Amino acid sequence: RDLHSFPTRRSFDLTHFSDPGCPWAYSASPQLAVLEWRYGEQLDWRLVTIGLAEDPERYVQNGYTPTRMTIGNMRYRRYGMPFLSEPRARVAATARACRAIVATRLLYPPREREVFRALQLGWFTTTLVLDQDDDITQALERVGGLDVGAVVGAIDDEATIAAYEADKRETRSAEGGPTHFQGKARQTDGPVRY
């Protein structure tokens, strides 16, 4: 066959269910970077935020403390990502950080993954408490050229909250699917989630 009759490029849609406060997701960063390096623009990424916790109370009721969480994160070092060994001031929830990602998606769609990455690094390599707007602002300052004030200012906008709730519903639809069948889904706050 004529070489020109073969498609030169094929694009694949990829949905990335994640949360900036998830140590498993953070530890998978090297594998995701390999996918991006290897396939580049052939992958059309879509980030869907999980929202592991709306407030820290669920963690506190289950016996989590800043020290316990820091010690627990140390076991993930074997995957090659840096983890800070100093506990933060208190246990934090992930919802506001997730909404910062969603606000970025609505305001500056191409920057969403950069914001996600900055929040992950802030979560696992600093003592920032990323359910506080000042700390979210500080974590996002590493994203060059981003209007951080606009992003943080949009965290509580109705459109942001509605899009975040849509993300949460989508992430909690794993029941009966391959992820659930393989025992890789979780049920922490109602429906089975990715």
N, C-alpha and C. Protein backbone atom coordinates (compact mmCIF):
# COMPACT_ATOMS: atom_id res chain seq x y z
N ARG A 1 0.83 -1.20 0.00
CA ARG A 1 0.00 0.00 0.00
C ARG A 1 0.86 1.24 0.00
N ASP A 2 0.30 2.28 -0.50
CA ASP A 2 0.94 3.59 -0.50
C ASP A 2 1.02 4.09 0.95
N LEU A 3 2.20 4.51 1.36
CA LEU A 3 2.37 5.00 2.73
C LEU A 3 1.44 6.15 3.06
N HIS A 4 1.05 6.92 2.06
CA HIS A 4 0.18 8.07 2.31
C HIS A 4 -1.25 7.66 2.62
N SER A 5 -1.59 6.40 2.39
CA SER A 5 -2.95 5.95 2.67
C SER A 5 -3.14 5.58 4.14
N PHE A 6 -2.05 5.48 4.90
CA PHE A 6 -2.16 5.19 6.33
C PHE A 6 -2.34 6.50 7.10
N PRO A 7 -3.17 6.46 8.12
CA PRO A 7 -3.30 7.69 8.93
C PRO A 7 -1.97 8.01 9.59
N THR A 8 -1.59 9.25 9.56
CA THR A 8 -0.30 9.64 10.15
C THR A 8 -0.43 9.90 11.64
N ARG A 9 -1.62 10.14 12.10
CA ARG A 9 -1.78 10.47 13.50
C ARG A 9 -3.14 10.01 13.97
N ARG A 10 -3.15 9.44 15.13
CA ARG A 10 -4.40 9.00 15.72
C ARG A 10 -4.48 9.58 17.12
N SER A 11 -5.62 10.12 17.46
CA SER A 11 -5.80 10.74 18.76
C SER A 11 -6.64 9.84 19.66
N PHE A 12 -6.29 9.81 20.94
CA PHE A 12 -7.00 9.00 21.92
C PHE A 12 -7.46 9.89 23.06
N ASP A 13 -8.71 9.74 23.45
CA ASP A 13 -9.24 10.45 24.60
C ASP A 13 -8.83 9.71 25.86
N LEU A 14 -8.36 10.46 26.84
CA LEU A 14 -7.89 9.86 28.08
C LEU A 14 -8.50 10.63 29.25
N THR A 15 -9.26 9.95 30.09
CA THR A 15 -9.85 10.58 31.27
C THR A 15 -8.99 10.23 32.48
N HIS A 16 -8.51 11.27 33.13
CA HIS A 16 -7.64 11.11 34.30
C HIS A 16 -8.45 11.51 35.54
N PHE A 17 -8.93 10.51 36.28
CA PHE A 17 -9.63 10.76 37.54
C PHE A 17 -8.57 10.93 38.62
N SER A 18 -8.56 12.09 39.29
CA SER A 18 -7.51 12.30 40.27
C SER A 18 -7.90 13.36 41.29
N ASP A 19 -7.04 13.48 42.28
CA ASP A 19 -7.21 14.44 43.36
C ASP A 19 -5.81 14.89 43.78
N PRO A 20 -5.59 16.20 43.97
CA PRO A 20 -4.24 16.65 44.31
C PRO A 20 -3.74 16.15 45.66
N GLY A 21 -4.64 15.67 46.52
CA GLY A 21 -4.22 15.17 47.83
C GLY A 21 -4.09 13.66 47.90
N CYS A 22 -4.15 12.97 46.77
CA CYS A 22 -4.05 11.51 46.77
C CYS A 22 -2.61 11.07 46.57
N PRO A 23 -2.01 10.39 47.55
CA PRO A 23 -0.62 9.97 47.39
C PRO A 23 -0.42 8.93 46.29
N TRP A 24 -1.43 8.09 46.02
CA TRP A 24 -1.31 7.13 44.92
C TRP A 24 -1.23 7.87 43.59
N ALA A 25 -2.10 8.86 43.41
CA ALA A 25 -2.10 9.63 42.17
C ALA A 25 -0.79 10.39 42.00
N TYR A 26 -0.31 10.99 43.07
CA TYR A 26 0.95 11.72 43.02
C TYR A 26 2.09 10.78 42.66
N SER A 27 2.08 9.57 43.22
CA SER A 27 3.13 8.59 42.94
C SER A 27 3.10 8.08 41.51
N ALA A 28 1.95 8.21 40.85
CA ALA A 28 1.84 7.77 39.46
C ALA A 28 2.36 8.82 38.48
N SER A 29 2.78 9.97 38.97
CA SER A 29 3.25 11.05 38.09
C SER A 29 4.33 10.62 37.10
N PRO A 30 5.33 9.82 37.50
CA PRO A 30 6.33 9.40 36.51
C PRO A 30 5.74 8.59 35.36
N GLN A 31 4.78 7.72 35.65
CA GLN A 31 4.16 6.92 34.60
C GLN A 31 3.34 7.80 33.66
N LEU A 32 2.65 8.77 34.21
CA LEU A 32 1.87 9.69 33.37
C LEU A 32 2.79 10.54 32.51
N ALA A 33 3.94 10.92 33.06
CA ALA A 33 4.91 11.70 32.28
C ALA A 33 5.45 10.87 31.11
N VAL A 34 5.66 9.59 31.33
CA VAL A 34 6.12 8.71 30.23
C VAL A 34 5.06 8.64 29.13
N LEU A 35 3.81 8.49 29.52
CA LEU A 35 2.74 8.47 28.52
C LEU A 35 2.72 9.75 27.71
N GLU A 36 2.84 10.87 28.41
CA GLU A 36 2.83 12.15 27.71
C GLU A 36 4.05 12.31 26.81
N TRP A 37 5.20 11.89 27.28
CA TRP A 37 6.42 11.99 26.48
C TRP A 37 6.32 11.09 25.24
N ARG A 38 5.84 9.87 25.46
CA ARG A 38 5.80 8.90 24.37
C ARG A 38 4.74 9.23 23.32
N TYR A 39 3.58 9.68 23.75
CA TYR A 39 2.46 9.87 22.82
C TYR A 39 2.10 11.32 22.56
N GLY A 40 2.60 12.23 23.38
CA GLY A 40 2.43 13.66 23.14
C GLY A 40 1.01 14.08 22.83
N GLU A 41 0.85 14.76 21.72
CA GLU A 41 -0.45 15.32 21.34
C GLU A 41 -1.43 14.26 20.83
N GLN A 42 -0.98 13.02 20.75
CA GLN A 42 -1.91 11.96 20.36
C GLN A 42 -2.91 11.66 21.48
N LEU A 43 -2.58 12.08 22.69
CA LEU A 43 -3.47 11.87 23.83
C LEU A 43 -4.20 13.17 24.14
N ASP A 44 -5.50 13.09 24.16
CA ASP A 44 -6.34 14.22 24.52
C ASP A 44 -6.79 14.01 25.97
N TRP A 45 -6.08 14.66 26.91
CA TRP A 45 -6.30 14.47 28.33
C TRP A 45 -7.52 15.22 28.81
N ARG A 46 -8.27 14.59 29.68
CA ARG A 46 -9.38 15.24 30.38
C ARG A 46 -9.23 14.91 31.86
N LEU A 47 -9.07 15.94 32.67
CA LEU A 47 -8.88 15.76 34.11
C LEU A 47 -10.23 15.90 34.82
N VAL A 48 -10.57 14.93 35.65
CA VAL A 48 -11.81 14.94 36.42
C VAL A 48 -11.41 14.84 37.89
N THR A 49 -11.78 15.85 38.68
CA THR A 49 -11.36 15.90 40.08
C THR A 49 -12.27 15.03 40.96
N ILE A 50 -11.66 14.32 41.88
CA ILE A 50 -12.38 13.39 42.74
C ILE A 50 -13.02 14.08 43.93
N GLY A 51 -12.30 14.99 44.56
CA GLY A 51 -12.82 15.60 45.79
C GLY A 51 -12.89 14.57 46.90
N LEU A 52 -11.73 14.12 47.36
CA LEU A 52 -11.68 13.06 48.36
C LEU A 52 -12.39 13.43 49.66
N ALA A 53 -12.32 14.70 50.04
CA ALA A 53 -12.96 15.12 51.30
C ALA A 53 -13.40 16.57 51.21
N GLU A 54 -14.66 16.81 51.59
CA GLU A 54 -15.18 18.18 51.62
C GLU A 54 -14.66 18.95 52.83
N ASP A 55 -14.46 18.24 53.91
CA ASP A 55 -13.87 18.84 55.09
C ASP A 55 -13.01 17.75 55.77
N PRO A 56 -12.09 18.15 56.63
CA PRO A 56 -11.16 17.17 57.20
C PRO A 56 -11.77 16.27 58.27
N GLU A 57 -13.00 16.52 58.67
CA GLU A 57 -13.59 15.81 59.80
C GLU A 57 -13.60 14.29 59.60
N ARG A 58 -13.87 13.83 58.36
CA ARG A 58 -13.90 12.38 58.11
C ARG A 58 -12.55 11.75 58.44
N TYR A 59 -11.47 12.43 58.07
CA TYR A 59 -10.13 11.92 58.37
C TYR A 59 -9.87 11.94 59.87
N VAL A 60 -10.22 13.05 60.52
CA VAL A 60 -9.99 13.18 61.95
C VAL A 60 -10.76 12.11 62.72
N GLN A 61 -12.02 11.86 62.33
CA GLN A 61 -12.83 10.82 62.99
C GLN A 61 -12.23 9.43 62.81
N ASN A 62 -11.50 9.23 61.72
CA ASN A 62 -10.85 7.93 61.47
C ASN A 62 -9.46 7.85 62.08
N GLY A 63 -9.10 8.82 62.90
CA GLY A 63 -7.83 8.76 63.63
C GLY A 63 -6.64 9.36 62.92
N TYR A 64 -6.86 10.03 61.80
CA TYR A 64 -5.74 10.65 61.09
C TYR A 64 -5.29 11.90 61.83
N THR A 65 -3.99 12.08 61.85
CA THR A 65 -3.36 13.29 62.37
C THR A 65 -2.35 13.73 61.34
N PRO A 66 -1.86 14.97 61.41
CA PRO A 66 -0.83 15.38 60.47
C PRO A 66 0.40 14.46 60.50
N THR A 67 0.80 14.03 61.69
CA THR A 67 1.96 13.14 61.80
C THR A 67 1.67 11.79 61.17
N ARG A 68 0.51 11.23 61.48
CA ARG A 68 0.16 9.92 60.91
C ARG A 68 0.12 9.98 59.38
N MET A 69 -0.43 11.08 58.83
CA MET A 69 -0.51 11.20 57.37
C MET A 69 0.88 11.33 56.76
N THR A 70 1.76 12.07 57.41
CA THR A 70 3.13 12.22 56.91
C THR A 70 3.86 10.89 56.94
N ILE A 71 3.73 10.17 58.02
CA ILE A 71 4.39 8.85 58.12
C ILE A 71 3.81 7.91 57.05
N GLY A 72 2.50 7.94 56.87
CA GLY A 72 1.88 7.11 55.85
C GLY A 72 2.38 7.43 54.45
N ASN A 73 2.62 8.71 54.18
CA ASN A 73 3.11 9.10 52.85
C ASN A 73 4.53 8.59 52.58
N MET A 74 5.29 8.34 53.62
CA MET A 74 6.67 7.89 53.43
C MET A 74 6.75 6.56 52.67
N ARG A 75 5.73 5.72 52.80
CA ARG A 75 5.76 4.43 52.10
C ARG A 75 5.67 4.60 50.58
N TYR A 76 5.20 5.76 50.14
CA TYR A 76 5.07 6.00 48.70
C TYR A 76 6.39 6.46 48.06
N ARG A 77 7.38 6.78 48.86
CA ARG A 77 8.66 7.24 48.32
C ARG A 77 9.28 6.22 47.37
N ARG A 78 8.96 4.95 47.55
CA ARG A 78 9.54 3.91 46.70
C ARG A 78 9.16 4.09 45.23
N TYR A 79 8.13 4.90 44.96
CA TYR A 79 7.72 5.14 43.57
C TYR A 79 8.47 6.30 42.92
N GLY A 80 9.33 6.96 43.70
CA GLY A 80 10.23 7.94 43.11
C GLY A 80 9.86 9.39 43.22
N MET A 81 8.74 9.72 43.84
CA MET A 81 8.36 11.12 43.99
C MET A 81 8.81 11.64 45.36
N PRO A 82 9.15 12.93 45.43
CA PRO A 82 9.58 13.48 46.72
C PRO A 82 8.40 13.69 47.66
N PHE A 83 8.62 13.41 48.93
CA PHE A 83 7.63 13.64 49.98
C PHE A 83 8.31 14.37 51.13
N LEU A 84 7.67 15.41 51.64
CA LEU A 84 8.18 16.13 52.79
C LEU A 84 7.96 15.29 54.04
N SER A 85 8.92 15.28 54.92
CA SER A 85 8.78 14.47 56.14
C SER A 85 8.34 15.30 57.35
N GLU A 86 7.96 16.54 57.12
CA GLU A 86 7.49 17.41 58.20
C GLU A 86 5.96 17.49 58.14
N PRO A 87 5.26 17.22 59.23
CA PRO A 87 3.80 17.31 59.21
C PRO A 87 3.31 18.74 59.04
N ARG A 88 2.15 18.89 58.41
CA ARG A 88 1.54 20.22 58.31
C ARG A 88 0.83 20.53 59.62
N ALA A 89 0.32 21.73 59.76
CA ALA A 89 -0.28 22.19 61.01
C ALA A 89 -1.54 21.42 61.39
N ARG A 90 -2.30 20.97 60.40
CA ARG A 90 -3.53 20.22 60.67
C ARG A 90 -3.88 19.38 59.46
N VAL A 91 -4.81 18.48 59.65
CA VAL A 91 -5.33 17.66 58.56
C VAL A 91 -6.16 18.57 57.66
N ALA A 92 -6.03 18.40 56.36
CA ALA A 92 -6.74 19.25 55.41
C ALA A 92 -7.66 18.42 54.52
N ALA A 93 -8.69 19.07 54.03
CA ALA A 93 -9.60 18.46 53.05
C ALA A 93 -9.12 18.83 51.65
N THR A 94 -9.59 18.12 50.64
CA THR A 94 -9.11 18.37 49.27
C THR A 94 -10.08 19.15 48.40
N ALA A 95 -11.30 19.40 48.87
CA ALA A 95 -12.33 20.00 48.02
C ALA A 95 -11.94 21.37 47.46
N ARG A 96 -11.40 22.26 48.27
CA ARG A 96 -11.06 23.61 47.77
C ARG A 96 -9.96 23.54 46.73
N ALA A 97 -8.98 22.69 46.93
CA ALA A 97 -7.92 22.53 45.93
C ALA A 97 -8.50 21.99 44.63
N CYS A 98 -9.42 21.03 44.73
CA CYS A 98 -10.08 20.50 43.53
C CYS A 98 -10.87 21.60 42.83
N ARG A 99 -11.54 22.43 43.61
CA ARG A 99 -12.30 23.52 42.99
C ARG A 99 -11.39 24.56 42.35
N ALA A 100 -10.17 24.72 42.87
CA ALA A 100 -9.20 25.60 42.20
C ALA A 100 -8.84 25.05 40.82
N ILE A 101 -8.72 23.74 40.73
CA ILE A 101 -8.44 23.10 39.44
C ILE A 101 -9.62 23.32 38.48
N VAL A 102 -10.83 23.13 38.99
CA VAL A 102 -12.02 23.31 38.16
C VAL A 102 -12.17 24.77 37.75
N ALA A 103 -11.89 25.70 38.65
CA ALA A 103 -11.95 27.13 38.31
C ALA A 103 -10.96 27.44 37.19
N THR A 104 -9.79 26.83 37.24
CA THR A 104 -8.80 27.02 36.17
C THR A 104 -9.34 26.46 34.86
N ARG A 105 -9.96 25.30 34.91
CA ARG A 105 -10.55 24.71 33.70
C ARG A 105 -11.54 25.68 33.04
N LEU A 106 -12.34 26.36 33.87
CA LEU A 106 -13.35 27.28 33.35
C LEU A 106 -12.75 28.59 32.86
N LEU A 107 -11.71 29.08 33.55
CA LEU A 107 -11.12 30.37 33.20
C LEU A 107 -9.99 30.25 32.18
N TYR A 108 -9.12 29.27 32.36
CA TYR A 108 -7.92 29.11 31.54
C TYR A 108 -7.72 27.64 31.21
N PRO A 109 -8.57 27.05 30.36
CA PRO A 109 -8.55 25.60 30.13
C PRO A 109 -7.18 24.99 29.85
N PRO A 110 -6.32 25.64 29.09
CA PRO A 110 -5.02 24.98 28.85
C PRO A 110 -4.13 24.86 30.08
N ARG A 111 -4.46 25.56 31.16
CA ARG A 111 -3.58 25.61 32.33
C ARG A 111 -4.00 24.64 33.43
N GLU A 112 -5.11 23.94 33.24
CA GLU A 112 -5.68 23.08 34.28
C GLU A 112 -4.69 22.04 34.82
N ARG A 113 -3.98 21.38 33.94
CA ARG A 113 -3.06 20.33 34.39
C ARG A 113 -1.85 20.93 35.11
N GLU A 114 -1.44 22.12 34.72
CA GLU A 114 -0.34 22.78 35.44
C GLU A 114 -0.76 23.11 36.87
N VAL A 115 -1.99 23.57 37.03
CA VAL A 115 -2.50 23.90 38.36
C VAL A 115 -2.62 22.63 39.19
N PHE A 116 -3.12 21.57 38.59
CA PHE A 116 -3.20 20.28 39.29
C PHE A 116 -1.81 19.88 39.80
N ARG A 117 -0.82 19.96 38.93
CA ARG A 117 0.54 19.57 39.30
C ARG A 117 1.11 20.44 40.42
N ALA A 118 0.88 21.74 40.33
CA ALA A 118 1.37 22.66 41.38
C ALA A 118 0.72 22.35 42.72
N LEU A 119 -0.57 22.01 42.69
CA LEU A 119 -1.25 21.66 43.94
C LEU A 119 -0.76 20.33 44.50
N GLN A 120 -0.48 19.37 43.63
CA GLN A 120 0.11 18.11 44.11
C GLN A 120 1.45 18.37 44.78
N LEU A 121 2.30 19.13 44.12
CA LEU A 121 3.61 19.42 44.71
C LEU A 121 3.46 20.17 46.02
N GLY A 122 2.53 21.12 46.07
CA GLY A 122 2.28 21.84 47.32
C GLY A 122 1.79 20.91 48.41
N TRP A 123 0.96 19.94 48.03
CA TRP A 123 0.39 19.02 49.02
C TRP A 123 1.45 18.09 49.61
N PHE A 124 2.35 17.61 48.78
CA PHE A 124 3.26 16.56 49.24
C PHE A 124 4.69 17.01 49.51
N THR A 125 5.04 18.24 49.15
CA THR A 125 6.42 18.68 49.39
C THR A 125 6.51 19.95 50.24
N THR A 126 5.36 20.43 50.72
CA THR A 126 5.36 21.61 51.60
C THR A 126 4.41 21.35 52.77
N THR A 127 4.42 22.26 53.71
CA THR A 127 3.49 22.16 54.83
C THR A 127 2.25 23.04 54.61
N LEU A 128 2.03 23.48 53.39
CA LEU A 128 0.86 24.29 53.09
C LEU A 128 -0.41 23.51 53.42
N VAL A 129 -1.41 24.21 53.93
CA VAL A 129 -2.70 23.60 54.24
C VAL A 129 -3.63 24.00 53.09
N LEU A 130 -3.80 23.11 52.14
CA LEU A 130 -4.40 23.47 50.87
C LEU A 130 -5.92 23.43 50.84
N ASP A 131 -6.54 23.68 51.99
CA ASP A 131 -7.96 24.02 51.99
C ASP A 131 -8.13 25.46 52.48
N GLN A 132 -7.01 26.18 52.51
CA GLN A 132 -6.98 27.61 52.85
C GLN A 132 -6.57 28.38 51.61
N ASP A 133 -7.31 29.43 51.29
CA ASP A 133 -7.06 30.16 50.05
C ASP A 133 -5.66 30.77 49.98
N ASP A 134 -5.15 31.28 51.10
CA ASP A 134 -3.79 31.85 51.08
C ASP A 134 -2.75 30.79 50.71
N ASP A 135 -2.92 29.59 51.23
CA ASP A 135 -1.97 28.52 50.92
C ASP A 135 -2.15 28.01 49.49
N ILE A 136 -3.40 27.96 49.01
CA ILE A 136 -3.63 27.60 47.61
C ILE A 136 -2.96 28.63 46.71
N THR A 137 -3.11 29.90 47.05
CA THR A 137 -2.46 30.97 46.29
C THR A 137 -0.96 30.75 46.24
N GLN A 138 -0.37 30.46 47.39
CA GLN A 138 1.09 30.25 47.45
C GLN A 138 1.51 29.07 46.58
N ALA A 139 0.75 27.98 46.61
CA ALA A 139 1.09 26.81 45.78
C ALA A 139 0.99 27.14 44.30
N LEU A 140 0.01 27.96 43.92
CA LEU A 140 -0.21 28.26 42.50
C LEU A 140 0.74 29.31 41.96
N GLU A 141 1.46 30.00 42.83
CA GLU A 141 2.41 31.00 42.36
C GLU A 141 3.53 30.39 41.53
N ARG A 142 3.73 29.08 41.61
CA ARG A 142 4.76 28.43 40.78
C ARG A 142 4.29 28.21 39.35
N VAL A 143 3.02 28.49 39.06
CA VAL A 143 2.49 28.37 37.70
C VAL A 143 2.66 29.72 37.02
N GLY A 144 3.72 29.88 36.26
CA GLY A 144 4.05 31.15 35.63
C GLY A 144 2.95 31.67 34.71
N GLY A 145 2.69 32.97 34.80
CA GLY A 145 1.76 33.62 33.90
C GLY A 145 0.30 33.36 34.19
N LEU A 146 -0.02 32.70 35.29
CA LEU A 146 -1.40 32.42 35.66
C LEU A 146 -1.92 33.54 36.55
N ASP A 147 -3.14 34.01 36.31
CA ASP A 147 -3.78 34.98 37.19
C ASP A 147 -4.32 34.21 38.39
N VAL A 148 -3.45 34.01 39.37
CA VAL A 148 -3.79 33.21 40.54
C VAL A 148 -4.95 33.82 41.31
N GLY A 149 -4.99 35.13 41.40
CA GLY A 149 -6.08 35.80 42.10
C GLY A 149 -7.43 35.49 41.47
N ALA A 150 -7.48 35.45 40.15
CA ALA A 150 -8.74 35.13 39.46
C ALA A 150 -9.16 33.70 39.74
N VAL A 151 -8.19 32.78 39.74
CA VAL A 151 -8.50 31.37 39.99
C VAL A 151 -9.02 31.19 41.41
N VAL A 152 -8.28 31.71 42.39
CA VAL A 152 -8.69 31.55 43.79
C VAL A 152 -10.01 32.29 44.03
N GLY A 153 -10.18 33.43 43.39
CA GLY A 153 -11.42 34.18 43.53
C GLY A 153 -12.63 33.46 42.96
N ALA A 154 -12.42 32.50 42.06
CA ALA A 154 -13.52 31.77 41.42
C ALA A 154 -13.84 30.44 42.11
N ILE A 155 -13.11 30.10 43.17
CA ILE A 155 -13.32 28.81 43.84
C ILE A 155 -14.76 28.65 44.32
N ASP A 156 -15.38 29.73 44.78
CA ASP A 156 -16.74 29.65 45.32
C ASP A 156 -17.82 30.11 44.34
N ASP A 157 -17.45 30.38 43.07
CA ASP A 157 -18.44 30.77 42.06
C ASP A 157 -19.40 29.62 41.80
N GLU A 158 -20.65 29.97 41.49
CA GLU A 158 -21.66 28.95 41.22
C GLU A 158 -21.24 28.02 40.08
N ALA A 159 -20.66 28.59 39.02
CA ALA A 159 -20.25 27.77 37.88
C ALA A 159 -19.16 26.78 38.28
N THR A 160 -18.22 27.22 39.11
CA THR A 160 -17.16 26.34 39.58
C THR A 160 -17.73 25.21 40.43
N ILE A 161 -18.60 25.56 41.35
CA ILE A 161 -19.19 24.55 42.24
C ILE A 161 -19.99 23.54 41.42
N ALA A 162 -20.77 24.02 40.44
CA ALA A 162 -21.57 23.11 39.61
C ALA A 162 -20.67 22.17 38.80
N ALA A 163 -19.59 22.69 38.24
CA ALA A 163 -18.67 21.84 37.46
C ALA A 163 -17.94 20.85 38.37
N TYR A 164 -17.58 21.29 39.57
CA TYR A 164 -16.93 20.40 40.53
C TYR A 164 -17.88 19.28 40.95
N GLU A 165 -19.14 19.62 41.21
CA GLU A 165 -20.12 18.59 41.59
C GLU A 165 -20.33 17.59 40.44
N ALA A 166 -20.28 18.08 39.21
CA ALA A 166 -20.38 17.18 38.05
C ALA A 166 -19.18 16.24 38.01
N ASP A 167 -17.99 16.76 38.29
CA ASP A 167 -16.79 15.92 38.38
C ASP A 167 -16.99 14.84 39.44
N LYS A 168 -17.44 15.25 40.61
CA LYS A 168 -17.62 14.30 41.70
C LYS A 168 -18.60 13.19 41.33
N ARG A 169 -19.70 13.57 40.69
CA ARG A 169 -20.67 12.54 40.26
C ARG A 169 -20.02 11.57 39.28
N GLU A 170 -19.26 12.10 38.35
CA GLU A 170 -18.60 11.22 37.36
C GLU A 170 -17.60 10.29 38.02
N THR A 171 -16.87 10.79 39.00
CA THR A 171 -15.87 9.95 39.65
C THR A 171 -16.50 8.89 40.55
N ARG A 172 -17.74 9.10 40.90
CA ARG A 172 -18.44 8.14 41.76
C ARG A 172 -19.40 7.27 40.96
N SER A 173 -18.94 6.88 39.78
CA SER A 173 -19.75 6.02 38.90
C SER A 173 -18.99 4.75 38.52
N ALA A 174 -18.12 4.30 39.40
CA ALA A 174 -17.26 3.15 39.08
C ALA A 174 -17.92 1.81 39.35
N GLU A 175 -19.03 1.82 40.07
CA GLU A 175 -19.65 0.55 40.45
C GLU A 175 -20.00 -0.30 39.23
N GLY A 176 -19.58 -1.55 39.29
CA GLY A 176 -19.88 -2.50 38.22
C GLY A 176 -18.94 -2.45 37.03
N GLY A 177 -18.04 -1.47 37.01
CA GLY A 177 -17.11 -1.34 35.90
C GLY A 177 -15.81 -2.09 36.15
N PRO A 178 -14.88 -2.04 35.18
CA PRO A 178 -13.60 -2.75 35.32
C PRO A 178 -12.79 -2.35 36.56
N THR A 179 -12.78 -1.07 36.89
CA THR A 179 -12.03 -0.61 38.07
C THR A 179 -12.59 -1.25 39.33
N HIS A 180 -13.89 -1.31 39.44
CA HIS A 180 -14.54 -1.92 40.59
C HIS A 180 -14.28 -3.43 40.61
N PHE A 181 -14.43 -4.07 39.46
CA PHE A 181 -14.22 -5.51 39.34
C PHE A 181 -12.81 -5.92 39.77
N GLN A 182 -11.82 -5.08 39.45
CA GLN A 182 -10.43 -5.38 39.79
C GLN A 182 -10.08 -5.03 41.23
N GLY A 183 -11.03 -4.51 41.98
CA GLY A 183 -10.77 -4.14 43.38
C GLY A 183 -9.97 -2.86 43.52
N LYS A 184 -10.00 -2.01 42.51
CA LYS A 184 -9.23 -0.77 42.55
C LYS A 184 -10.09 0.45 42.82
N ALA A 185 -11.40 0.27 42.98
CA ALA A 185 -12.30 1.37 43.30
C ALA A 185 -12.41 1.50 44.83
N ARG A 186 -12.96 2.61 45.28
CA ARG A 186 -13.14 2.84 46.71
C ARG A 186 -14.57 3.34 46.96
N GLN A 187 -15.02 3.12 48.18
CA GLN A 187 -16.35 3.59 48.58
C GLN A 187 -16.17 4.27 49.93
N THR A 188 -15.83 5.56 49.89
CA THR A 188 -15.50 6.29 51.12
C THR A 188 -16.59 7.24 51.56
N ASP A 189 -17.47 7.64 50.65
CA ASP A 189 -18.47 8.66 51.00
C ASP A 189 -19.78 8.46 50.24
N GLY A 190 -20.14 7.22 50.02
CA GLY A 190 -21.37 6.93 49.27
C GLY A 190 -21.10 6.03 48.10
N PRO A 191 -21.38 6.51 46.87
CA PRO A 191 -21.19 5.65 45.69
C PRO A 191 -19.74 5.20 45.49
N VAL A 192 -19.57 4.12 44.74
CA VAL A 192 -18.24 3.60 44.45
C VAL A 192 -17.53 4.57 43.52
N ARG A 193 -16.31 4.96 43.89
CA ARG A 193 -15.57 5.94 43.11
C ARG A 193 -14.27 5.39 42.57
N TYR A 194 -13.75 6.10 41.59
CA TYR A 194 -12.44 5.77 41.03
C TYR A 194 -11.37 6.17 42.00
